[in-house]
Amino acid sequence: MVGAILVQRTTWTNTSRAIENLKSAGKLSPCAIREAGDEELQEIIRPAGFFRTKARKLRALSEFLGERYSDSLEVMSELPDGELRDQLLSIYGVGDETADDIMLYAFGRPSFVVDAYTRRIFARLGLVDPKLRYADIQTVFQDRIPRDVALYNEYHALIVMHGKDVCKTRPICSECPLGPVCPKIGV
């Protein structure tokens, strides 16, 4: 869950550094995050960027977990999908993408994550309108792909890899395996 907050608007490499810093400082648990001073927490997660905002978000998440669930993810995991997602969305700093990321990776729930890579790749392929709302793009996928955690996880990983390595902001179309079927919309 911490990773889902820290990865916002940065790379996983930077996020990993911040998570390692939290581990090394003994500040990875919700209780330890709540007990950390603001400046201390900010300095620990600095590699993730936007460290002041992300420290507030981590504190909000840890306070939510402490107040509602006594820091027990097991209790929280008993909630039905819709209720769990709604509760995640009620936390400061948790939007649709972060909530679905937590649903899929932390709780093992079939919730398709729509990120910037998903939007870019599938808009260029002409399969989604890039101006569609998050929920509408998510529905396009969830209506066509079996609701399966392992499958959603694999799709998301492949989309991220393709978006990072080939279908970048400035794409390397000559290396794209989808080249023959891609209309390259917006390129």
Protein backbone atom coordinates (compact mmCIF):
# COMPACT_ATOMS: atom_id res chain seq x y z
CA MET A 1 0.00 0.00 0.00
CA VAL A 2 2.91 2.29 0.78
CA GLY A 3 4.31 1.64 -2.70
CA ALA A 4 1.01 2.63 -4.31
CA ILE A 5 1.27 6.05 -2.66
CA LEU A 6 4.99 6.54 -3.27
CA VAL A 7 4.88 5.57 -6.96
CA GLN A 8 2.50 8.42 -7.80
CA ARG A 9 4.14 10.68 -10.40
CA THR A 10 7.52 8.92 -10.26
CA THR A 11 9.31 5.77 -11.38
CA TRP A 12 9.36 2.45 -9.58
CA THR A 13 13.14 2.84 -9.21
CA ASN A 14 12.68 5.98 -7.10
CA THR A 15 9.82 4.36 -5.21
CA SER A 16 11.99 1.34 -4.37
CA ARG A 17 14.67 3.60 -2.91
CA ALA A 18 12.11 5.31 -0.69
CA ILE A 19 10.68 1.95 0.45
CA GLU A 20 14.20 0.71 1.26
CA ASN A 21 14.78 3.89 3.28
CA LEU A 22 11.56 3.25 5.21
CA LYS A 23 12.63 -0.34 5.91
CA SER A 24 16.13 0.69 7.01
CA ALA A 25 14.69 3.35 9.33
CA GLY A 26 12.14 0.92 10.77
CA LYS A 27 9.31 3.14 9.51
CA LEU A 28 7.44 0.85 7.12
CA SER A 29 4.53 -0.10 9.40
CA PRO A 30 1.43 2.10 9.81
CA CYS A 31 2.26 2.62 13.49
CA ALA A 32 5.86 3.66 12.72
CA ILE A 33 4.66 6.07 10.03
CA ARG A 34 2.21 7.66 12.48
CA GLU A 35 4.96 8.03 15.10
CA ALA A 36 7.50 9.56 12.69
CA GLY A 37 7.95 13.30 12.70
CA ASP A 38 6.94 15.16 9.54
CA GLU A 39 10.47 16.20 8.60
CA GLU A 40 11.86 12.75 9.41
CA LEU A 41 9.28 11.01 7.20
CA GLN A 42 9.79 13.52 4.39
CA GLU A 43 13.53 13.00 4.41
CA ILE A 44 13.17 9.20 4.40
CA ILE A 45 10.88 9.20 1.35
CA ARG A 46 12.65 12.03 -0.49
CA PRO A 47 13.82 9.74 -3.37
CA ALA A 48 10.17 9.26 -4.41
CA GLY A 49 9.77 12.98 -5.12
CA PHE A 50 6.88 15.20 -3.96
CA PHE A 51 7.98 14.06 -0.51
CA ARG A 52 5.97 16.61 1.50
CA THR A 53 2.70 15.67 -0.18
CA LYS A 54 3.47 11.97 -0.12
CA ALA A 55 4.35 12.12 3.59
CA ARG A 56 0.88 13.61 4.26
CA LYS A 57 -0.67 10.87 2.13
CA LEU A 58 1.24 8.12 3.95
CA ARG A 59 0.21 9.59 7.28
CA ALA A 60 -3.45 9.72 6.16
CA LEU A 61 -3.27 6.08 5.05
CA SER A 62 -1.64 4.95 8.30
CA GLU A 63 -4.13 6.94 10.40
CA PHE A 64 -7.01 5.38 8.46
CA LEU A 65 -5.62 1.89 9.02
CA GLY A 66 -5.06 2.55 12.71
CA GLU A 67 -8.41 4.21 13.43
CA ARG A 68 -10.62 1.89 11.37
CA TYR A 69 -8.79 -1.43 11.46
CA SER A 70 -6.25 -1.32 14.30
CA ASP A 71 -3.61 -1.67 11.57
CA SER A 72 -5.02 -5.06 10.52
CA LEU A 73 -5.11 -5.59 6.77
CA GLU A 74 -6.67 -8.99 7.46
CA VAL A 75 -9.78 -7.36 8.90
CA MET A 76 -9.90 -4.86 6.05
CA SER A 77 -9.51 -7.64 3.48
CA GLU A 78 -12.82 -9.16 4.61
CA LEU A 79 -14.74 -6.28 3.01
CA PRO A 80 -16.54 -6.88 -0.30
CA ASP A 81 -14.76 -5.40 -3.35
CA GLY A 82 -17.01 -2.35 -3.77
CA GLU A 83 -16.90 -1.40 -0.11
CA LEU A 84 -13.13 -1.92 0.08
CA ARG A 85 -12.57 0.29 -2.96
CA ASP A 86 -14.91 2.99 -1.60
CA GLN A 87 -13.05 3.00 1.71
CA LEU A 88 -9.70 3.30 -0.05
CA LEU A 89 -11.03 6.22 -2.11
CA SER A 90 -12.05 7.98 1.11
CA ILE A 91 -8.38 8.28 2.16
CA TYR A 92 -6.57 11.53 1.35
CA GLY A 93 -4.25 10.94 -1.61
CA VAL A 94 -5.94 7.78 -2.88
CA GLY A 95 -7.61 8.20 -6.26
CA ASP A 96 -8.93 5.64 -8.73
CA GLU A 97 -5.56 4.38 -9.97
CA THR A 98 -4.05 4.10 -6.50
CA ALA A 99 -7.17 2.38 -5.13
CA ASP A 100 -7.15 -0.17 -7.95
CA ASP A 101 -3.42 -0.69 -7.56
CA ILE A 102 -3.97 -1.49 -3.87
CA MET A 103 -7.00 -3.67 -4.69
CA LEU A 104 -5.02 -5.73 -7.22
CA TYR A 105 -1.59 -5.96 -5.62
CA ALA A 106 -2.20 -5.66 -1.86
CA PHE A 107 -5.57 -7.39 -1.57
CA GLY A 108 -5.50 -9.70 -4.59
CA ARG A 109 -8.80 -8.42 -5.99
CA PRO A 110 -9.59 -8.34 -9.71
CA SER A 111 -9.52 -4.59 -10.33
CA PHE A 112 -7.93 -3.51 -13.60
CA VAL A 113 -5.42 -0.67 -13.11
CA VAL A 114 -5.65 2.10 -15.69
CA ASP A 115 -2.47 4.17 -15.71
CA ALA A 116 -0.86 6.64 -18.10
CA TYR A 117 0.70 3.78 -20.08
CA THR A 118 -2.68 2.07 -20.53
CA ARG A 119 -4.31 5.29 -21.68
CA ARG A 120 -1.46 6.14 -24.09
CA ILE A 121 -1.03 2.70 -25.67
CA PHE A 122 -4.69 1.96 -26.18
CA ALA A 123 -5.46 5.48 -27.43
CA ARG A 124 -2.68 5.14 -30.04
CA LEU A 125 -4.15 1.78 -31.05
CA GLY A 126 -7.52 3.50 -31.46
CA LEU A 127 -9.14 1.23 -28.87
CA VAL A 128 -10.07 3.93 -26.35
CA ASP A 129 -10.68 7.65 -26.50
CA PRO A 130 -7.92 9.22 -24.36
CA LYS A 131 -10.49 11.70 -23.03
CA LEU A 132 -12.63 8.95 -21.49
CA ARG A 133 -13.00 8.95 -17.73
CA TYR A 134 -10.93 6.45 -15.75
CA ALA A 135 -13.98 4.29 -14.94
CA ASP A 136 -14.99 4.13 -18.61
CA ILE A 137 -11.56 2.94 -19.73
CA GLN A 138 -11.50 0.42 -16.89
CA THR A 139 -14.92 -0.87 -18.00
CA VAL A 140 -13.62 -1.39 -21.56
CA PHE A 141 -11.07 -3.84 -20.13
CA GLN A 142 -13.12 -5.44 -17.39
CA ASP A 143 -15.98 -6.17 -19.81
CA ARG A 144 -13.64 -7.95 -22.25
CA ILE A 145 -11.10 -9.72 -20.06
CA PRO A 146 -12.03 -12.40 -17.52
CA ARG A 147 -12.00 -11.01 -13.96
CA ASP A 148 -8.84 -12.79 -12.84
CA VAL A 149 -6.19 -11.38 -10.52
CA ALA A 150 -3.24 -13.16 -12.16
CA LEU A 151 -4.40 -12.11 -15.63
CA TYR A 152 -4.93 -8.45 -14.63
CA ASN A 153 -1.54 -8.48 -12.93
CA GLU A 154 0.16 -9.85 -16.04
CA TYR A 155 -1.67 -7.47 -18.40
CA HIS A 156 -0.73 -4.50 -16.25
CA ALA A 157 2.93 -5.59 -16.06
CA LEU A 158 3.08 -6.05 -19.85
CA ILE A 159 1.40 -2.70 -20.49
CA VAL A 160 3.84 -0.94 -18.15
CA MET A 161 6.83 -2.65 -19.77
CA HIS A 162 5.65 -1.78 -23.28
CA GLY A 163 4.87 1.81 -22.25
CA LYS A 164 8.28 2.28 -20.63
CA ASP A 165 10.37 0.58 -23.29
CA VAL A 166 8.61 1.15 -26.63
CA CYS A 167 5.37 3.16 -26.58
CA LYS A 168 6.91 6.09 -24.73
CA THR A 169 5.84 9.70 -25.00
CA ARG A 170 8.17 9.67 -28.00
CA PRO A 171 7.55 6.12 -29.19
CA ILE A 172 10.05 3.83 -30.85
CA CYS A 173 7.55 2.59 -33.44
CA SER A 174 10.24 0.70 -35.39
CA GLU A 175 10.63 -1.67 -32.40
CA CYS A 176 6.93 -2.11 -31.68
CA PRO A 177 5.47 -5.61 -32.06
CA LEU A 178 2.06 -3.95 -32.52
CA GLY A 179 3.37 -1.83 -35.41
CA PRO A 180 1.49 -3.69 -38.17
CA VAL A 181 -1.88 -3.08 -36.49
CA CYS A 182 -1.22 0.28 -34.83
CA PRO A 183 -2.72 3.35 -36.52
CA LYS A 184 -0.34 5.47 -34.37
CA ILE A 185 -3.06 7.89 -33.33
CA GLY A 186 -1.53 11.01 -31.79
CA VAL A 187 2.04 10.15 -32.82
